[in-house]
PDB file of all heavy atoms in Angstrom:
ATOM      1  N   ILE A   1      11.561   0.141  -2.570  1.00  0.00           N
ATOM      2  CA  ILE A   1      10.188   0.290  -3.072  1.00  0.00           C
ATOM      3  C   ILE A   1       9.913  -0.744  -4.152  1.00  0.00           C
ATOM      4  O   ILE A   1       8.870  -1.398  -4.150  1.00  0.00           O
ATOM      5  CB  ILE A   1       9.956   1.722  -3.584  1.00  0.00           C
ATOM      6  CG1 ILE A   1      10.035   2.703  -2.421  1.00  0.00           C
ATOM      7  CG2 ILE A   1       8.617   1.835  -4.295  1.00  0.00           C
ATOM      8  CD1 ILE A   1      10.074   4.149  -2.832  1.00  0.00           C
ATOM      9  N   GLN A   2      10.860  -0.917  -5.069  1.00  0.00           N
ATOM     10  CA  GLN A   2      10.696  -1.912  -6.136  1.00  0.00           C
ATOM     11  C   GLN A   2      10.583  -3.322  -5.563  1.00  0.00           C
ATOM     12  O   GLN A   2       9.771  -4.124  -6.025  1.00  0.00           O
ATOM     13  CB  GLN A   2      11.856  -1.822  -7.129  1.00  0.00           C
ATOM     14  CG  GLN A   2      11.673  -2.681  -8.357  1.00  0.00           C
ATOM     15  CD  GLN A   2      10.462  -2.286  -9.181  1.00  0.00           C
ATOM     16  OE1 GLN A   2      10.160  -1.107  -9.327  1.00  0.00           O
ATOM     17  NE2 GLN A   2       9.759  -3.253  -9.715  1.00  0.00           N
ATOM     18  N   ARG A   3      11.368  -3.613  -4.526  1.00  0.00           N
ATOM     19  CA  ARG A   3      11.296  -4.931  -3.879  1.00  0.00           C
ATOM     20  C   ARG A   3       9.922  -5.139  -3.247  1.00  0.00           C
ATOM     21  O   ARG A   3       9.331  -6.224  -3.334  1.00  0.00           O
ATOM     22  CB  ARG A   3      12.396  -5.053  -2.825  1.00  0.00           C
ATOM     23  CG  ARG A   3      12.488  -6.436  -2.208  1.00  0.00           C
ATOM     24  CD  ARG A   3      13.776  -6.614  -1.418  1.00  0.00           C
ATOM     25  NE  ARG A   3      14.000  -5.570  -0.446  1.00  0.00           N
ATOM     26  CZ  ARG A   3      13.738  -5.686   0.864  1.00  0.00           C
ATOM     27  NH1 ARG A   3      13.218  -6.801   1.335  1.00  0.00           N
ATOM     28  NH2 ARG A   3      13.978  -4.695   1.694  1.00  0.00           N
ATOM     29  N   GLY A   4       9.359  -4.092  -2.626  1.00  0.00           N
ATOM     30  CA  GLY A   4       8.021  -4.179  -2.052  1.00  0.00           C
ATOM     31  C   GLY A   4       6.962  -4.431  -3.113  1.00  0.00           C
ATOM     32  O   GLY A   4       6.063  -5.257  -2.932  1.00  0.00           O
ATOM     33  N   ILE A   5       7.072  -3.737  -4.242  1.00  0.00           N
ATOM     34  CA  ILE A   5       6.129  -3.944  -5.351  1.00  0.00           C
ATOM     35  C   ILE A   5       6.232  -5.360  -5.890  1.00  0.00           C
ATOM     36  O   ILE A   5       5.219  -6.018  -6.155  1.00  0.00           O
ATOM     37  CB  ILE A   5       6.364  -2.888  -6.454  1.00  0.00           C
ATOM     38  CG1 ILE A   5       5.937  -1.509  -5.943  1.00  0.00           C
ATOM     39  CG2 ILE A   5       5.644  -3.263  -7.737  1.00  0.00           C
ATOM     40  CD1 ILE A   5       6.322  -0.366  -6.847  1.00  0.00           C
ATOM     41  N   GLU A   6       7.454  -5.854  -6.027  1.00  0.00           N
ATOM     42  CA  GLU A   6       7.653  -7.233  -6.502  1.00  0.00           C
ATOM     43  C   GLU A   6       7.051  -8.244  -5.528  1.00  0.00           C
ATOM     44  O   GLU A   6       6.452  -9.239  -5.960  1.00  0.00           O
ATOM     45  CB  GLU A   6       9.150  -7.521  -6.689  1.00  0.00           C
ATOM     46  CG  GLU A   6       9.801  -6.759  -7.815  1.00  0.00           C
ATOM     47  CD  GLU A   6       9.389  -7.233  -9.194  1.00  0.00           C
ATOM     48  OE1 GLU A   6       8.887  -8.365  -9.332  1.00  0.00           O
ATOM     49  OE2 GLU A   6       9.568  -6.450 -10.145  1.00  0.00           O
ATOM     50  N   LEU A   7       7.168  -8.002  -4.228  1.00  0.00           N
ATOM     51  CA  LEU A   7       6.573  -8.908  -3.236  1.00  0.00           C
ATOM     52  C   LEU A   7       5.054  -8.917  -3.318  1.00  0.00           C
ATOM     53  O   LEU A   7       4.419  -9.972  -3.215  1.00  0.00           O
ATOM     54  CB  LEU A   7       7.027  -8.520  -1.823  1.00  0.00           C
ATOM     55  CG  LEU A   7       8.483  -8.822  -1.479  1.00  0.00           C
ATOM     56  CD1 LEU A   7       8.858  -8.177  -0.152  1.00  0.00           C
ATOM     57  CD2 LEU A   7       8.728 -10.318  -1.452  1.00  0.00           C
ATOM     58  N   ILE A   8       4.453  -7.740  -3.511  1.00  0.00           N
ATOM     59  CA  ILE A   8       3.000  -7.658  -3.667  1.00  0.00           C
ATOM     60  C   ILE A   8       2.558  -8.455  -4.889  1.00  0.00           C
ATOM     61  O   ILE A   8       1.604  -9.237  -4.831  1.00  0.00           O
ATOM     62  CB  ILE A   8       2.543  -6.184  -3.781  1.00  0.00           C
ATOM     63  CG1 ILE A   8       2.738  -5.468  -2.446  1.00  0.00           C
ATOM     64  CG2 ILE A   8       1.085  -6.093  -4.228  1.00  0.00           C
ATOM     65  CD1 ILE A   8       2.547  -3.962  -2.526  1.00  0.00           C
ATOM     66  N   CYS A   9       3.250  -8.267  -5.998  1.00  0.00           N
ATOM     67  CA  CYS A   9       2.890  -8.966  -7.238  1.00  0.00           C
ATOM     68  C   CYS A   9       3.081 -10.478  -7.111  1.00  0.00           C
ATOM     69  O   CYS A   9       2.228 -11.247  -7.556  1.00  0.00           O
ATOM     70  CB  CYS A   9       3.711  -8.420  -8.402  1.00  0.00           C
ATOM     71  SG  CYS A   9       3.266  -6.725  -8.841  1.00  0.00           S
ATOM     72  N   ALA A  10       4.196 -10.893  -6.524  1.00  0.00           N
ATOM     73  CA  ALA A  10       4.464 -12.328  -6.378  1.00  0.00           C
ATOM     74  C   ALA A  10       3.416 -12.997  -5.492  1.00  0.00           C
ATOM     75  O   ALA A  10       2.917 -14.087  -5.810  1.00  0.00           O
ATOM     76  CB  ALA A  10       5.856 -12.547  -5.806  1.00  0.00           C
ATOM     77  N   TYR A  11       3.051 -12.357  -4.378  1.00  0.00           N
ATOM     78  CA  TYR A  11       2.034 -12.925  -3.496  1.00  0.00           C
ATOM     79  C   TYR A  11       0.697 -13.057  -4.221  1.00  0.00           C
ATOM     80  O   TYR A  11       0.038 -14.100  -4.159  1.00  0.00           O
ATOM     81  CB  TYR A  11       1.861 -12.067  -2.235  1.00  0.00           C
ATOM     82  CG  TYR A  11       0.717 -12.546  -1.371  1.00  0.00           C
ATOM     83  CD1 TYR A  11       0.887 -13.604  -0.490  1.00  0.00           C
ATOM     84  CD2 TYR A  11      -0.546 -11.971  -1.468  1.00  0.00           C
ATOM     85  CE1 TYR A  11      -0.165 -14.065   0.286  1.00  0.00           C
ATOM     86  CE2 TYR A  11      -1.602 -12.420  -0.698  1.00  0.00           C
ATOM     87  CZ  TYR A  11      -1.404 -13.467   0.177  1.00  0.00           C
ATOM     88  OH  TYR A  11      -2.457 -13.917   0.927  1.00  0.00           O
ATOM     89  N   THR A  12       0.296 -12.004  -4.923  1.00  0.00           N
ATOM     90  CA  THR A  12      -0.993 -12.008  -5.613  1.00  0.00           C
ATOM     91  C   THR A  12      -1.009 -13.059  -6.712  1.00  0.00           C
ATOM     92  O   THR A  12      -1.992 -13.787  -6.892  1.00  0.00           O
ATOM     93  CB  THR A  12      -1.297 -10.617  -6.192  1.00  0.00           C
ATOM     94  OG1 THR A  12      -1.200  -9.663  -5.127  1.00  0.00           O
ATOM     95  CG2 THR A  12      -2.679 -10.559  -6.797  1.00  0.00           C
ATOM     96  N   GLN A  13       0.080 -13.159  -7.450  1.00  0.00           N
ATOM     97  CA  GLN A  13       0.180 -14.156  -8.525  1.00  0.00           C
ATOM     98  C   GLN A  13       0.083 -15.572  -7.964  1.00  0.00           C
ATOM     99  O   GLN A  13      -0.644 -16.416  -8.506  1.00  0.00           O
ATOM    100  CB  GLN A  13       1.499 -13.956  -9.266  1.00  0.00           C
ATOM    101  CG  GLN A  13       1.666 -14.855 -10.475  1.00  0.00           C
ATOM    102  CD  GLN A  13       2.804 -14.385 -11.346  1.00  0.00           C
ATOM    103  OE1 GLN A  13       2.885 -13.224 -11.687  1.00  0.00           O
ATOM    104  NE2 GLN A  13       3.682 -15.306 -11.702  1.00  0.00           N
ATOM    105  N   ASN A  14       0.783 -15.836  -6.878  1.00  0.00           N
ATOM    106  CA  ASN A  14       0.732 -17.175  -6.274  1.00  0.00           C
ATOM    107  C   ASN A  14      -0.623 -17.457  -5.635  1.00  0.00           C
ATOM    108  O   ASN A  14      -1.126 -18.577  -5.716  1.00  0.00           O
ATOM    109  CB  ASN A  14       1.836 -17.330  -5.221  1.00  0.00           C
ATOM    110  CG  ASN A  14       3.207 -17.382  -5.846  1.00  0.00           C
ATOM    111  OD1 ASN A  14       3.353 -17.714  -7.019  1.00  0.00           O
ATOM    112  ND2 ASN A  14       4.207 -17.030  -5.069  1.00  0.00           N
ATOM    113  N   ARG A  15      -1.218 -16.460  -5.012  1.00  0.00           N
ATOM    114  CA  ARG A  15      -2.496 -16.654  -4.309  1.00  0.00           C
ATOM    115  C   ARG A  15      -3.643 -16.930  -5.270  1.00  0.00           C
ATOM    116  O   ARG A  15      -4.510 -17.745  -4.994  1.00  0.00           O
ATOM    117  CB  ARG A  15      -2.791 -15.405  -3.466  1.00  0.00           C
ATOM    118  CG  ARG A  15      -4.041 -15.478  -2.628  1.00  0.00           C
ATOM    119  CD  ARG A  15      -3.843 -16.426  -1.454  1.00  0.00           C
ATOM    120  NE  ARG A  15      -4.956 -16.375  -0.560  1.00  0.00           N
ATOM    121  CZ  ARG A  15      -5.988 -17.220  -0.610  1.00  0.00           C
ATOM    122  NH1 ARG A  15      -6.038 -18.156  -1.524  1.00  0.00           N
ATOM    123  NH2 ARG A  15      -6.976 -17.116   0.247  1.00  0.00           N
ATOM    124  N   LEU A  16      -3.649 -16.225  -6.417  1.00  0.00           N
ATOM    125  CA  LEU A  16      -4.758 -16.366  -7.365  1.00  0.00           C
ATOM    126  C   LEU A  16      -4.445 -17.275  -8.545  1.00  0.00           C
ATOM    127  O   LEU A  16      -5.334 -17.587  -9.330  1.00  0.00           O
ATOM    128  CB  LEU A  16      -5.163 -14.985  -7.893  1.00  0.00           C
ATOM    129  CG  LEU A  16      -5.737 -14.011  -6.877  1.00  0.00           C
ATOM    130  CD1 LEU A  16      -6.023 -12.677  -7.546  1.00  0.00           C
ATOM    131  CD2 LEU A  16      -6.996 -14.572  -6.252  1.00  0.00           C
ATOM    132  N   ASP A  17      -3.180 -17.661  -8.699  1.00  0.00           N
ATOM    133  CA  ASP A  17      -2.753 -18.501  -9.818  1.00  0.00           C
ATOM    134  C   ASP A  17      -3.070 -17.834 -11.166  1.00  0.00           C
ATOM    135  O   ASP A  17      -3.611 -18.451 -12.079  1.00  0.00           O
ATOM    136  CB  ASP A  17      -3.395 -19.887  -9.732  1.00  0.00           C
ATOM    137  CG  ASP A  17      -2.721 -20.884 -10.665  1.00  0.00           C
ATOM    138  OD1 ASP A  17      -1.528 -20.694 -10.961  1.00  0.00           O
ATOM    139  OD2 ASP A  17      -3.401 -21.832 -11.121  1.00  0.00           O
ATOM    140  N   ILE A  18      -2.759 -16.533 -11.255  1.00  0.00           N
ATOM    141  CA  ILE A  18      -2.899 -15.771 -12.497  1.00  0.00           C
ATOM    142  C   ILE A  18      -1.626 -14.954 -12.686  1.00  0.00           C
ATOM    143  O   ILE A  18      -0.825 -14.816 -11.765  1.00  0.00           O
ATOM    144  CB  ILE A  18      -4.111 -14.813 -12.473  1.00  0.00           C
ATOM    145  CG1 ILE A  18      -3.973 -13.780 -11.352  1.00  0.00           C
ATOM    146  CG2 ILE A  18      -5.416 -15.571 -12.370  1.00  0.00           C
ATOM    147  CD1 ILE A  18      -4.954 -12.639 -11.435  1.00  0.00           C
ATOM    148  N   ARG A  19      -1.452 -14.414 -13.873  1.00  0.00           N
ATOM    149  CA  ARG A  19      -0.311 -13.539 -14.127  1.00  0.00           C
ATOM    150  C   ARG A  19      -0.573 -12.181 -13.471  1.00  0.00           C
ATOM    151  O   ARG A  19      -1.594 -11.554 -13.711  1.00  0.00           O
ATOM    152  CB  ARG A  19      -0.101 -13.366 -15.628  1.00  0.00           C
ATOM    153  CG  ARG A  19       1.134 -12.580 -15.959  1.00  0.00           C
ATOM    154  CD  ARG A  19       1.354 -12.529 -17.481  1.00  0.00           C
ATOM    155  NE  ARG A  19       2.567 -11.829 -17.776  1.00  0.00           N
ATOM    156  CZ  ARG A  19       2.690 -10.498 -17.814  1.00  0.00           C
ATOM    157  NH1 ARG A  19       1.644  -9.747 -17.578  1.00  0.00           N
ATOM    158  NH2 ARG A  19       3.849  -9.927 -18.096  1.00  0.00           N
ATOM    159  N   PHE A  20       0.371 -11.733 -12.645  1.00  0.00           N
ATOM    160  CA  PHE A  20       0.275 -10.441 -11.979  1.00  0.00           C
ATOM    161  C   PHE A  20       1.702  -9.886 -11.893  1.00  0.00           C
ATOM    162  O   PHE A  20       2.351  -9.940 -10.861  1.00  0.00           O
ATOM    163  CB  PHE A  20      -0.339 -10.592 -10.583  1.00  0.00           C
ATOM    164  CG  PHE A  20      -0.920  -9.322 -10.020  1.00  0.00           C
ATOM    165  CD1 PHE A  20      -2.264  -9.041 -10.176  1.00  0.00           C
ATOM    166  CD2 PHE A  20      -0.124  -8.406  -9.341  1.00  0.00           C
ATOM    167  CE1 PHE A  20      -2.811  -7.877  -9.659  1.00  0.00           C
ATOM    168  CE2 PHE A  20      -0.659  -7.241  -8.825  1.00  0.00           C
ATOM    169  CZ  PHE A  20      -2.006  -6.970  -8.986  1.00  0.00           C
ATOM    170  N   ALA A  21       2.189  -9.361 -13.018  1.00  0.00           N
ATOM    171  CA  ALA A  21       3.574  -8.922 -13.123  1.00  0.00           C
ATOM    172  C   ALA A  21       3.711  -7.442 -12.782  1.00  0.00           C
ATOM    173  O   ALA A  21       2.853  -6.628 -13.121  1.00  0.00           O
ATOM    174  CB  ALA A  21       4.091  -9.177 -14.531  1.00  0.00           C
ATOM    175  N   ALA A  22       4.807  -7.111 -12.141  1.00  0.00           N
ATOM    176  CA  ALA A  22       5.051  -5.727 -11.730  1.00  0.00           C
ATOM    177  C   ALA A  22       5.252  -4.803 -12.932  1.00  0.00           C
ATOM    178  O   ALA A  22       4.839  -3.648 -12.898  1.00  0.00           O
ATOM    179  CB  ALA A  22       6.265  -5.657 -10.813  1.00  0.00           C
ATOM    180  N   ASP A  23       5.864  -5.305 -13.981  1.00  0.00           N
ATOM    181  CA  ASP A  23       6.160  -4.435 -15.124  1.00  0.00           C
ATOM    182  C   ASP A  23       4.921  -4.065 -15.940  1.00  0.00           C
ATOM    183  O   ASP A  23       4.956  -3.107 -16.708  1.00  0.00           O
ATOM    184  CB  ASP A  23       7.215  -5.076 -16.029  1.00  0.00           C
ATOM    185  CG  ASP A  23       6.794  -6.428 -16.575  1.00  0.00           C
ATOM    186  OD1 ASP A  23       5.791  -6.994 -16.090  1.00  0.00           O
ATOM    187  OD2 ASP A  23       7.466  -6.926 -17.494  1.00  0.00           O
ATOM    188  N   SER A  24       3.827  -4.779 -15.759  1.00  0.00           N
ATOM    189  CA  SER A  24       2.605  -4.447 -16.499  1.00  0.00           C
ATOM    190  C   SER A  24       1.446  -4.044 -15.583  1.00  0.00           C
ATOM    191  O   SER A  24       0.345  -3.793 -16.059  1.00  0.00           O
ATOM    192  CB  SER A  24       2.177  -5.626 -17.380  1.00  0.00           C
ATOM    193  OG  SER A  24       1.953  -6.773 -16.592  1.00  0.00           O
ATOM    194  N   ALA A  25       1.693  -3.966 -14.287  1.00  0.00           N
ATOM    195  CA  ALA A  25       0.636  -3.562 -13.341  1.00  0.00           C
ATOM    196  C   ALA A  25       0.414  -2.061 -13.439  1.00  0.00           C
ATOM    197  O   ALA A  25       1.318  -1.293 -13.760  1.00  0.00           O
ATOM    198  CB  ALA A  25       1.028  -3.941 -11.919  1.00  0.00           C
ATOM    199  N   ARG A  26      -0.810  -1.657 -13.156  1.00  0.00           N
ATOM    200  CA  ARG A  26      -1.153  -0.233 -13.096  1.00  0.00           C
ATOM    201  C   ARG A  26      -1.306   0.159 -11.638  1.00  0.00           C
ATOM    202  O   ARG A  26      -1.785  -0.618 -10.821  1.00  0.00           O
ATOM    203  CB  ARG A  26      -2.445   0.043 -13.837  1.00  0.00           C
ATOM    204  CG  ARG A  26      -2.319  -0.222 -15.308  1.00  0.00           C
ATOM    205  CD  ARG A  26      -3.632  -0.002 -16.005  1.00  0.00           C
ATOM    206  NE  ARG A  26      -3.499  -0.356 -17.394  1.00  0.00           N
ATOM    207  CZ  ARG A  26      -3.694   0.503 -18.380  1.00  0.00           C
ATOM    208  NH1 ARG A  26      -4.048   1.732 -18.128  1.00  0.00           N
ATOM    209  NH2 ARG A  26      -3.542   0.121 -19.627  1.00  0.00           N
ATOM    210  N   ILE A  27      -0.932   1.381 -11.326  1.00  0.00           N
ATOM    211  CA  ILE A  27      -1.100   1.883  -9.973  1.00  0.00           C
ATOM    212  C   ILE A  27      -2.476   2.525  -9.888  1.00  0.00           C
ATOM    213  O   ILE A  27      -2.765   3.480 -10.601  1.00  0.00           O
ATOM    214  CB  ILE A  27      -0.004   2.902  -9.614  1.00  0.00           C
ATOM    215  CG1 ILE A  27       1.364   2.217  -9.653  1.00  0.00           C
ATOM    216  CG2 ILE A  27      -0.269   3.516  -8.247  1.00  0.00           C
ATOM    217  CD1 ILE A  27       2.522   3.166  -9.478  1.00  0.00           C
ATOM    218  N   SER A  28      -3.344   1.985  -9.035  1.00  0.00           N
ATOM    219  CA  SER A  28      -4.685   2.547  -8.913  1.00  0.00           C
ATOM    220  C   SER A  28      -4.816   3.456  -7.692  1.00  0.00           C
ATOM    221  O   SER A  28      -5.719   4.272  -7.628  1.00  0.00           O
ATOM    222  CB  SER A  28      -5.736   1.445  -8.857  1.00  0.00           C
ATOM    223  OG  SER A  28      -5.623   0.725  -7.662  1.00  0.00           O
ATOM    224  N   LYS A  29      -3.908   3.301  -6.715  1.00  0.00           N
ATOM    225  CA  LYS A  29      -3.928   4.164  -5.535  1.00  0.00           C
ATOM    226  C   LYS A  29      -2.510   4.243  -4.990  1.00  0.00           C
ATOM    227  O   LYS A  29      -1.788   3.246  -4.978  1.00  0.00           O
ATOM    228  CB  LYS A  29      -4.874   3.617  -4.473  1.00  0.00           C
ATOM    229  CG  LYS A  29      -4.951   4.484  -3.243  1.00  0.00           C
ATOM    230  CD  LYS A  29      -6.046   4.132  -2.251  1.00  0.00           C
ATOM    231  CE  LYS A  29      -6.252   2.689  -1.978  1.00  0.00           C
ATOM    232  NZ  LYS A  29      -7.183   2.438  -0.867  1.00  0.00           N
ATOM    233  N   LEU A  30      -2.154   5.441  -4.529  1.00  0.00           N
ATOM    234  CA  LEU A  30      -0.814   5.643  -4.008  1.00  0.00           C
ATOM    235  C   LEU A  30      -0.888   6.615  -2.837  1.00  0.00           C
ATOM    236  O   LEU A  30      -1.444   7.699  -2.973  1.00  0.00           O
ATOM    237  CB  LEU A  30       0.082   6.213  -5.112  1.00  0.00           C
ATOM    238  CG  LEU A  30       1.547   6.422  -4.803  1.00  0.00           C
ATOM    239  CD1 LEU A  30       2.233   5.083  -4.590  1.00  0.00           C
ATOM    240  CD2 LEU A  30       2.207   7.164  -5.961  1.00  0.00           C
ATOM    241  N   HIS A  31      -0.365   6.209  -1.695  1.00  0.00           N
ATOM    242  CA  HIS A  31      -0.290   7.093  -0.529  1.00  0.00           C
ATOM    243  C   HIS A  31       1.159   7.538  -0.379  1.00  0.00           C
ATOM    244  O   HIS A  31       2.057   6.707  -0.269  1.00  0.00           O
ATOM    245  CB  HIS A  31      -0.714   6.378   0.744  1.00  0.00           C
ATOM    246  CG  HIS A  31      -2.152   6.032   0.781  1.00  0.00           C
ATOM    247  ND1 HIS A  31      -2.730   5.416   1.858  1.00  0.00           N
ATOM    248  CD2 HIS A  31      -3.150   6.196  -0.112  1.00  0.00           C
ATOM    249  CE1 HIS A  31      -4.014   5.222   1.620  1.00  0.00           C
ATOM    250  NE2 HIS A  31      -4.283   5.684   0.421  1.00  0.00           N
ATOM    251  N   LEU A  32       1.362   8.831  -0.376  1.00  0.00           N
ATOM    252  CA  LEU A  32       2.694   9.390  -0.176  1.00  0.00           C
ATOM    253  C   LEU A  32       2.781   9.929   1.240  1.00  0.00           C
ATOM    254  O   LEU A  32       1.803  10.427   1.791  1.00  0.00           O
ATOM    255  CB  LEU A  32       2.957  10.506  -1.183  1.00  0.00           C
ATOM    256  CG  LEU A  32       2.868  10.081  -2.651  1.00  0.00           C
ATOM    257  CD1 LEU A  32       2.996  11.290  -3.554  1.00  0.00           C
ATOM    258  CD2 LEU A  32       3.923   9.055  -2.992  1.00  0.00           C
TER     259      LEU A  32
END
């Protein structure tokens, strides 16, 4: 799960050229 979150953050950071770190991201939606 942590690896998946890191991949989401890395893609978003590279795509938008902004800081998007997993350790400071907020969860706005979660499907269990």
